[in-house]
N, C-alpha and C. Protein backbone atom coordinates (compact mmCIF):
# COMPACT_ATOMS: atom_id res chain seq x y z
N MET A 1 8.69 65.52 -48.92
CA MET A 1 9.61 66.39 -48.84
C MET A 1 10.62 65.80 -47.91
N GLY A 2 12.16 66.52 -47.85
CA GLY A 2 12.77 66.03 -47.26
C GLY A 2 13.50 66.96 -46.01
N GLN A 3 14.11 66.38 -45.37
CA GLN A 3 14.24 67.12 -43.73
C GLN A 3 15.55 67.88 -43.67
N GLN A 4 16.13 68.75 -42.85
CA GLN A 4 17.18 69.57 -42.86
C GLN A 4 17.61 69.71 -41.34
N LEU A 5 18.98 69.69 -41.04
CA LEU A 5 19.14 70.00 -39.89
C LEU A 5 19.08 71.87 -39.53
N LEU A 6 18.50 72.19 -38.34
CA LEU A 6 18.24 73.24 -38.06
C LEU A 6 19.65 73.89 -36.81
N ARG A 7 20.10 74.85 -37.49
CA ARG A 7 21.32 75.20 -37.37
C ARG A 7 21.11 76.29 -35.67
N ASN A 8 19.92 76.44 -35.57
CA ASN A 8 19.83 77.29 -34.28
C ASN A 8 20.73 77.09 -33.06
N TYR A 9 21.69 76.03 -32.85
CA TYR A 9 22.85 76.27 -31.86
C TYR A 9 23.71 77.49 -31.63
N ARG A 10 23.52 78.46 -32.94
CA ARG A 10 24.42 79.15 -33.00
C ARG A 10 24.22 80.45 -31.98
N GLN A 11 23.01 80.68 -31.97
CA GLN A 11 22.50 81.86 -31.23
C GLN A 11 22.05 81.97 -29.68
N ILE A 12 22.56 80.66 -29.33
CA ILE A 12 21.41 80.16 -28.03
C ILE A 12 22.23 80.48 -26.49
N GLY A 13 21.96 80.37 -25.46
CA GLY A 13 22.89 81.15 -24.41
C GLY A 13 23.94 79.61 -23.99
N PRO A 14 24.55 79.76 -23.26
CA PRO A 14 25.89 79.22 -22.72
C PRO A 14 25.04 77.48 -22.14
N THR A 15 23.72 77.83 -21.03
CA THR A 15 23.42 76.71 -20.81
C THR A 15 22.49 75.44 -22.11
N ALA A 16 21.57 76.22 -22.32
CA ALA A 16 21.25 75.77 -23.86
C ALA A 16 22.02 75.04 -24.60
N PHE A 17 23.09 75.83 -24.94
CA PHE A 17 24.06 75.49 -25.50
C PHE A 17 24.60 73.84 -24.96
N HIS A 18 25.10 74.12 -23.89
CA HIS A 18 25.77 73.01 -23.05
C HIS A 18 24.61 71.86 -23.16
N ALA A 19 23.16 71.79 -22.97
CA ALA A 19 22.48 70.48 -22.92
C ALA A 19 22.49 70.26 -24.95
N PHE A 20 22.36 71.10 -25.42
CA PHE A 20 22.51 70.52 -27.19
C PHE A 20 23.43 69.82 -26.96
N ASN A 21 24.53 70.62 -27.02
CA ASN A 21 25.97 69.59 -27.37
C ASN A 21 26.18 68.54 -26.63
N GLN A 22 25.72 68.30 -25.63
CA GLN A 22 25.76 66.97 -24.77
C GLN A 22 24.79 66.40 -25.74
N ARG A 23 23.68 66.35 -25.95
CA ARG A 23 22.39 65.52 -26.56
C ARG A 23 22.75 65.02 -28.24
N VAL A 24 23.82 65.97 -28.71
CA VAL A 24 24.46 65.38 -30.03
C VAL A 24 25.50 65.25 -29.59
N ALA A 25 26.24 64.70 -28.92
CA ALA A 25 27.52 64.27 -28.98
C ALA A 25 27.49 62.76 -28.26
N THR A 26 26.33 62.85 -27.44
CA THR A 26 25.76 61.53 -27.18
C THR A 26 25.33 60.40 -28.18
N SER A 27 24.57 61.26 -29.22
CA SER A 27 24.10 60.74 -30.47
C SER A 27 25.00 60.23 -31.25
N LEU A 28 25.91 61.21 -31.24
CA LEU A 28 27.10 60.87 -32.77
C LEU A 28 28.11 59.73 -32.24
N ALA A 29 28.00 59.25 -30.81
CA ALA A 29 28.96 58.34 -30.17
C ALA A 29 28.43 56.91 -30.45
N ASP A 30 27.28 56.87 -30.27
CA ASP A 30 26.28 56.00 -30.21
C ASP A 30 26.90 55.23 -31.95
N LYS A 31 27.64 54.27 -31.95
CA LYS A 31 28.02 53.35 -33.16
C LYS A 31 26.33 53.31 -33.93
N THR A 32 25.29 52.34 -33.04
CA THR A 32 24.61 51.57 -33.42
C THR A 32 23.44 52.86 -34.15
N ARG A 33 23.50 53.95 -33.98
CA ARG A 33 22.38 55.18 -34.84
C ARG A 33 22.82 55.51 -35.91
N ILE A 34 24.45 56.13 -35.34
CA ILE A 34 25.07 56.48 -36.71
C ILE A 34 26.40 55.63 -37.20
N PRO A 35 26.24 55.38 -38.63
CA PRO A 35 27.42 54.58 -39.07
C PRO A 35 28.80 55.03 -39.11
N GLU A 36 29.51 54.39 -38.91
CA GLU A 36 31.02 54.99 -39.21
C GLU A 36 31.26 55.14 -40.52
N SER A 37 30.38 54.83 -41.14
CA SER A 37 30.76 54.90 -42.95
C SER A 37 30.43 56.47 -43.21
N ILE A 38 29.74 57.16 -42.55
CA ILE A 38 29.57 58.47 -42.71
C ILE A 38 30.64 59.44 -42.68
N TRP A 39 31.41 59.07 -41.63
CA TRP A 39 32.98 59.71 -41.14
C TRP A 39 33.70 59.41 -42.51
N ALA A 40 33.99 58.43 -42.95
CA ALA A 40 34.92 58.07 -44.08
C ALA A 40 35.39 59.04 -44.95
N GLY A 41 34.80 60.01 -45.52
CA GLY A 41 35.17 61.16 -45.97
C GLY A 41 35.67 62.43 -45.63
N SER A 42 35.22 62.08 -44.18
CA SER A 42 36.25 63.60 -43.25
C SER A 42 36.73 63.02 -42.50
N PRO A 43 37.98 61.96 -42.17
CA PRO A 43 38.48 61.01 -40.94
C PRO A 43 38.85 62.48 -39.62
N GLY A 44 38.48 61.57 -38.82
CA GLY A 44 38.96 62.62 -37.40
C GLY A 44 38.05 63.80 -37.32
N VAL A 45 36.97 63.87 -37.86
CA VAL A 45 36.25 65.25 -37.48
C VAL A 45 35.20 64.76 -36.27
N LEU A 46 34.94 63.37 -36.58
CA LEU A 46 33.70 63.05 -34.81
C LEU A 46 35.20 62.91 -33.72
N GLN A 47 36.05 62.74 -33.82
CA GLN A 47 36.62 62.12 -32.94
C GLN A 47 37.42 64.14 -32.38
N SER A 48 37.83 64.70 -33.23
CA SER A 48 37.94 65.61 -33.10
C SER A 48 36.50 66.70 -31.90
N TYR A 49 35.27 66.60 -33.00
CA TYR A 49 34.52 67.15 -32.37
C TYR A 49 34.08 66.65 -30.69
N LEU A 50 34.29 64.92 -30.57
CA LEU A 50 33.99 64.68 -29.31
C LEU A 50 34.72 64.70 -28.60
N ALA A 51 35.75 64.77 -28.47
CA ALA A 51 37.13 65.41 -27.74
C ALA A 51 37.05 67.27 -27.32
N ALA A 52 36.55 67.81 -28.18
CA ALA A 52 36.27 69.30 -27.86
C ALA A 52 35.35 69.65 -26.71
N SER A 53 33.73 68.57 -26.96
CA SER A 53 32.61 68.38 -26.52
C SER A 53 33.12 67.93 -25.42
N ALA A 54 33.84 66.92 -25.00
CA ALA A 54 34.22 66.61 -23.64
C ALA A 54 35.07 67.50 -22.70
N LYS A 55 35.52 68.62 -23.25
CA LYS A 55 36.49 69.46 -22.83
C LYS A 55 35.48 70.81 -22.82
N HIS A 56 34.74 71.14 -23.11
CA HIS A 56 33.49 71.99 -23.13
C HIS A 56 32.71 71.60 -22.25
N ASP A 57 32.61 70.51 -21.72
CA ASP A 57 31.48 69.95 -21.10
C ASP A 57 32.07 69.97 -19.64
N ALA A 58 33.47 70.01 -19.50
CA ALA A 58 34.11 70.43 -18.07
C ALA A 58 34.58 71.54 -18.18
N VAL A 59 34.76 72.41 -18.78
CA VAL A 59 35.10 73.92 -18.49
C VAL A 59 33.41 74.53 -18.24
N TYR A 60 32.59 73.80 -18.72
CA TYR A 60 31.35 74.42 -18.59
C TYR A 60 30.83 74.61 -17.44
N HIS A 61 31.07 73.60 -16.44
CA HIS A 61 30.54 72.86 -15.03
C HIS A 61 31.65 73.93 -14.49
N GLU A 62 32.88 74.25 -14.68
CA GLU A 62 33.88 74.96 -14.11
C GLU A 62 33.55 76.10 -13.89
N SER A 63 33.03 76.76 -15.16
CA SER A 63 32.78 78.00 -15.23
C SER A 63 31.48 78.46 -14.09
N MET A 64 30.75 77.46 -13.91
CA MET A 64 29.36 77.87 -12.48
C MET A 64 30.07 78.55 -11.82
N LEU A 65 31.18 78.65 -11.40
CA LEU A 65 31.83 78.96 -10.30
C LEU A 65 32.02 80.38 -10.56
N GLY A 66 31.87 80.65 -11.90
CA GLY A 66 32.48 82.33 -12.08
C GLY A 66 33.34 83.12 -12.19
N SER A 67 34.34 82.05 -12.26
CA SER A 67 35.37 82.47 -12.85
C SER A 67 35.58 82.85 -13.80
N LYS A 68 36.23 84.20 -14.52
CA LYS A 68 35.85 85.14 -15.80
C LYS A 68 37.05 84.54 -16.57
N LEU A 69 38.08 83.74 -16.53
CA LEU A 69 39.03 83.45 -17.30
C LEU A 69 38.44 81.85 -17.87
N VAL A 70 37.38 81.11 -17.13
CA VAL A 70 37.38 80.09 -17.20
C VAL A 70 35.74 80.20 -18.04
N ILE A 71 34.91 81.12 -18.21
CA ILE A 71 33.97 81.80 -18.69
C ILE A 71 34.51 82.10 -20.13
N ALA A 72 35.68 82.56 -20.35
CA ALA A 72 36.01 83.23 -21.42
C ALA A 72 36.31 81.76 -22.01
N GLU A 73 36.92 81.09 -21.02
CA GLU A 73 37.44 79.57 -22.25
C GLU A 73 36.38 78.68 -22.32
N ARG A 74 35.33 78.85 -22.12
CA ARG A 74 33.95 78.30 -22.61
C ARG A 74 33.43 78.88 -23.73
N GLU A 75 33.58 80.46 -23.83
CA GLU A 75 32.84 81.32 -25.27
C GLU A 75 33.71 80.87 -26.46
N VAL A 76 35.30 80.69 -26.03
CA VAL A 76 36.12 79.99 -27.21
C VAL A 76 35.67 78.86 -27.48
N LEU A 77 35.67 77.71 -27.01
CA LEU A 77 35.28 76.81 -26.79
C LEU A 77 33.58 76.25 -27.50
N GLN A 78 32.88 77.25 -27.03
CA GLN A 78 31.53 77.34 -27.97
C GLN A 78 31.66 77.88 -29.20
N ALA A 79 32.57 78.15 -29.63
CA ALA A 79 32.29 79.29 -31.07
C ALA A 79 33.04 78.00 -31.47
N GLN A 80 34.32 77.54 -31.28
CA GLN A 80 34.57 76.18 -31.99
C GLN A 80 33.59 75.29 -32.10
N LEU A 81 33.47 74.94 -31.34
CA LEU A 81 32.09 73.49 -31.48
C LEU A 81 31.01 73.63 -32.48
N VAL A 82 30.23 75.45 -32.47
CA VAL A 82 29.62 75.86 -33.39
C VAL A 82 29.98 75.45 -34.80
N ILE A 83 31.27 75.55 -35.33
CA ILE A 83 31.94 75.99 -36.73
C ILE A 83 32.26 73.91 -36.81
N GLN A 84 32.39 73.28 -35.88
CA GLN A 84 32.71 71.77 -35.90
C GLN A 84 31.33 71.16 -36.06
N LEU A 85 30.07 71.95 -35.56
CA LEU A 85 28.78 71.29 -35.31
C LEU A 85 28.63 71.16 -36.83
N ASP A 86 28.88 72.72 -37.52
CA ASP A 86 28.38 73.01 -38.85
C ASP A 86 29.05 72.14 -40.35
N GLU A 87 30.10 71.58 -39.93
CA GLU A 87 30.53 70.71 -40.43
C GLU A 87 30.01 69.53 -40.27
N ILE A 88 29.56 69.16 -39.08
CA ILE A 88 28.53 67.89 -38.86
C ILE A 88 27.49 67.49 -39.40
N ALA A 89 26.82 68.73 -39.41
CA ALA A 89 25.33 68.88 -39.96
C ALA A 89 25.66 68.95 -41.38
N LEU A 90 26.56 69.47 -41.93
CA LEU A 90 26.57 69.21 -43.87
C LEU A 90 26.87 67.73 -44.15
N LEU A 91 27.36 67.15 -42.88
CA LEU A 91 28.06 65.73 -43.76
C LEU A 91 26.98 64.55 -43.25
N LEU A 92 26.00 65.37 -42.46
CA LEU A 92 24.98 64.25 -42.03
C LEU A 92 23.60 64.77 -43.02
N GLU A 93 23.51 65.77 -43.48
CA GLU A 93 23.01 65.80 -44.45
C GLU A 93 23.36 65.68 -45.70
N MET A 94 24.33 65.35 -45.87
CA MET A 94 24.47 64.52 -47.66
C MET A 94 24.42 63.58 -47.15
N ALA A 95 24.50 62.42 -45.95
CA ALA A 95 24.22 61.15 -45.67
C ALA A 95 22.96 60.80 -45.65
N ALA A 96 22.28 62.11 -45.68
CA ALA A 96 20.72 61.81 -45.45
C ALA A 96 20.22 61.59 -46.77
N VAL A 97 20.86 61.74 -47.87
CA VAL A 97 19.73 61.45 -49.19
C VAL A 97 19.65 60.18 -49.30
N ARG A 98 20.80 59.48 -48.59
CA ARG A 98 20.39 57.57 -48.80
C ARG A 98 19.64 57.08 -47.71
N ASN A 99 20.05 57.72 -46.42
CA ASN A 99 18.90 57.40 -45.38
C ASN A 99 18.71 58.46 -44.37
N SER A 100 17.53 59.07 -44.30
CA SER A 100 16.72 60.34 -43.70
C SER A 100 17.13 59.59 -42.07
N GLU A 101 16.71 58.78 -41.95
CA GLU A 101 16.54 58.45 -40.69
C GLU A 101 18.13 58.91 -39.50
N ILE A 102 18.98 59.41 -40.14
CA ILE A 102 20.22 59.81 -39.81
C ILE A 102 20.25 61.22 -39.26
N LEU A 103 19.27 62.10 -39.52
CA LEU A 103 19.05 63.07 -39.50
C LEU A 103 18.29 62.85 -37.59
N VAL A 104 16.97 62.03 -38.09
CA VAL A 104 16.43 62.04 -36.47
C VAL A 104 17.65 61.49 -35.34
N ALA A 105 18.22 60.52 -35.54
CA ALA A 105 19.36 60.15 -34.55
C ALA A 105 20.69 60.84 -34.45
N SER A 106 20.58 61.57 -34.81
CA SER A 106 21.74 62.70 -34.92
C SER A 106 21.84 63.74 -33.42
N GLY A 107 20.40 63.82 -33.00
CA GLY A 107 20.37 64.54 -32.02
C GLY A 107 20.29 66.32 -32.22
N PHE A 108 20.74 66.48 -33.61
CA PHE A 108 20.51 67.78 -34.03
C PHE A 108 18.94 68.25 -34.28
N ASP A 109 18.46 69.11 -33.68
CA ASP A 109 16.82 69.49 -34.32
C ASP A 109 16.70 69.41 -35.44
N CYS A 110 15.41 69.14 -35.71
CA CYS A 110 15.00 68.77 -37.30
C CYS A 110 14.30 69.76 -38.12
N ALA A 111 14.20 70.24 -39.49
CA ALA A 111 12.78 70.98 -39.80
C ALA A 111 12.70 70.30 -41.26
N LYS A 112 11.54 70.17 -41.21
CA LYS A 112 11.12 69.62 -43.18
C LYS A 112 11.20 70.77 -43.95
N GLU A 113 12.11 70.80 -44.99
CA GLU A 113 11.97 71.72 -45.65
C GLU A 113 10.92 71.55 -46.50
N ARG A 114 11.02 72.98 -47.11
CA ARG A 114 9.74 74.08 -47.29
C ARG A 114 10.33 73.97 -48.74
N ARG A 115 8.62 73.64 -49.55
CA ARG A 115 9.45 74.39 -51.04
C ARG A 115 7.84 75.00 -51.68
N GLY A 116 8.23 75.60 -52.79
CA GLY A 116 6.99 76.39 -53.30
C GLY A 116 7.31 77.62 -53.39
N HIS A 117 6.27 78.59 -53.39
CA HIS A 117 6.47 79.59 -53.83
C HIS A 117 6.61 80.41 -52.34
N ALA A 118 7.55 81.49 -52.39
CA ALA A 118 7.85 82.38 -51.23
C ALA A 118 7.05 82.94 -50.89
N ARG A 119 6.04 83.63 -50.04
CA ARG A 119 5.36 84.42 -49.78
C ARG A 119 6.10 85.88 -49.73
N SER A 120 5.76 86.76 -50.85
CA SER A 120 6.42 88.24 -50.75
C SER A 120 5.77 89.32 -49.64
N LYS A 121 6.77 89.78 -48.69
CA LYS A 121 5.95 90.72 -47.74
C LYS A 121 6.07 92.23 -48.65
N THR A 122 5.75 92.65 -49.89
CA THR A 122 5.51 93.43 -50.47
C THR A 122 4.41 94.39 -50.04
N VAL A 123 4.46 95.42 -50.13
CA VAL A 123 3.01 96.50 -50.10
C VAL A 123 2.40 96.38 -51.76
N PRO A 124 1.14 96.67 -51.86
CA PRO A 124 0.70 96.60 -53.20
C PRO A 124 0.32 98.11 -53.69
N ALA A 125 0.99 98.04 -54.77
CA ALA A 125 0.88 99.42 -55.24
C ALA A 125 0.26 100.47 -55.45
N ALA A 126 0.19 101.66 -54.87
CA ALA A 126 -1.10 102.49 -54.96
C ALA A 126 -1.64 102.52 -56.42
N PRO A 127 -2.89 102.94 -56.40
CA PRO A 127 -4.04 102.59 -57.87
C PRO A 127 -2.85 104.25 -58.51
N GLY A 128 -3.01 103.84 -59.41
CA GLY A 128 -2.43 104.86 -60.64
C GLY A 128 -0.76 105.05 -60.95
N ALA A 129 -0.06 104.11 -59.81
CA ALA A 129 1.48 104.24 -59.21
C ALA A 129 2.17 103.37 -60.48
N PRO A 130 3.26 103.87 -60.87
CA PRO A 130 3.88 103.17 -62.46
C PRO A 130 4.39 102.03 -61.36
N THR A 131 3.85 100.98 -62.52
CA THR A 131 4.83 99.64 -62.23
C THR A 131 6.26 99.80 -62.36
N ALA A 132 6.74 98.71 -61.89
CA ALA A 132 8.37 98.61 -61.91
C ALA A 132 8.26 98.43 -63.88
N GLU A 133 7.67 98.02 -64.71
CA GLU A 133 7.96 97.89 -66.11
C GLU A 133 8.21 99.14 -66.49
N GLN A 134 6.95 100.10 -66.13
CA GLN A 134 6.55 101.67 -66.65
C GLN A 134 7.93 102.21 -66.28
N GLU A 135 8.18 101.78 -64.79
CA GLU A 135 9.20 102.62 -64.47
C GLU A 135 10.75 102.48 -65.37
N GLN A 136 10.69 101.44 -65.99
CA GLN A 136 12.26 101.25 -66.97
C GLN A 136 11.73 101.39 -68.30
N GLY A 137 10.68 101.92 -68.23
CA GLY A 137 10.06 102.70 -69.83
C GLY A 137 10.27 101.52 -70.90
N GLY A 138 10.01 100.09 -70.07
CA GLY A 138 9.16 98.80 -71.36
C GLY A 138 8.11 98.49 -70.97
N SER A 139 7.00 99.83 -71.35
CA SER A 139 5.78 99.50 -71.25
C SER A 139 5.17 99.20 -72.74
N GLY A 140 6.08 99.67 -73.68
CA GLY A 140 5.49 99.10 -74.96
C GLY A 140 4.52 100.17 -76.12
N THR A 141 4.33 100.80 -75.21
CA THR A 141 3.25 101.95 -75.68
C THR A 141 4.10 103.18 -76.48
C-alpha cells in the first residue's frame, strides 16, 4: 500500500495552520531532504510558496496584536497558501511514485492509502420489501 498526503490543513485554525505551514516550509527548503529535481516540471512553485510562507509568518505574528486589517490579510494569505500547498502536495505525490520517502520528509501529514471494498452504510431492507431489481421491473418472472 502506498501513502498519500493528508489535506487536513484546509480546515484548521490560524495558529495550527501557522505551525503546520512553518513545518512544511522548513522541510521543503531543506535541499538535502527534497531533491530539486521534483520542482523541475513546475519552476517557481517552491520559491513562490516559500516567499508567501515567509510573508504569512510575519503577518501572523503581527495579527496577534488584534488589528482587524492585519487579521484579514492573514486570512487572505492563508487561503493563498492552501492553494499552493495543494499544488505542492500533488507534485510530491507524483514524485513519491519513485521515492516514497519524499512524503515523510515533506512535513505534510501522511496517511496510508486504503484499498479494498468500501463498507456501505445502508440499512438492510425490511423482509418482503422490493429489491432494486424488482423496482426496475427486471425480476425476470
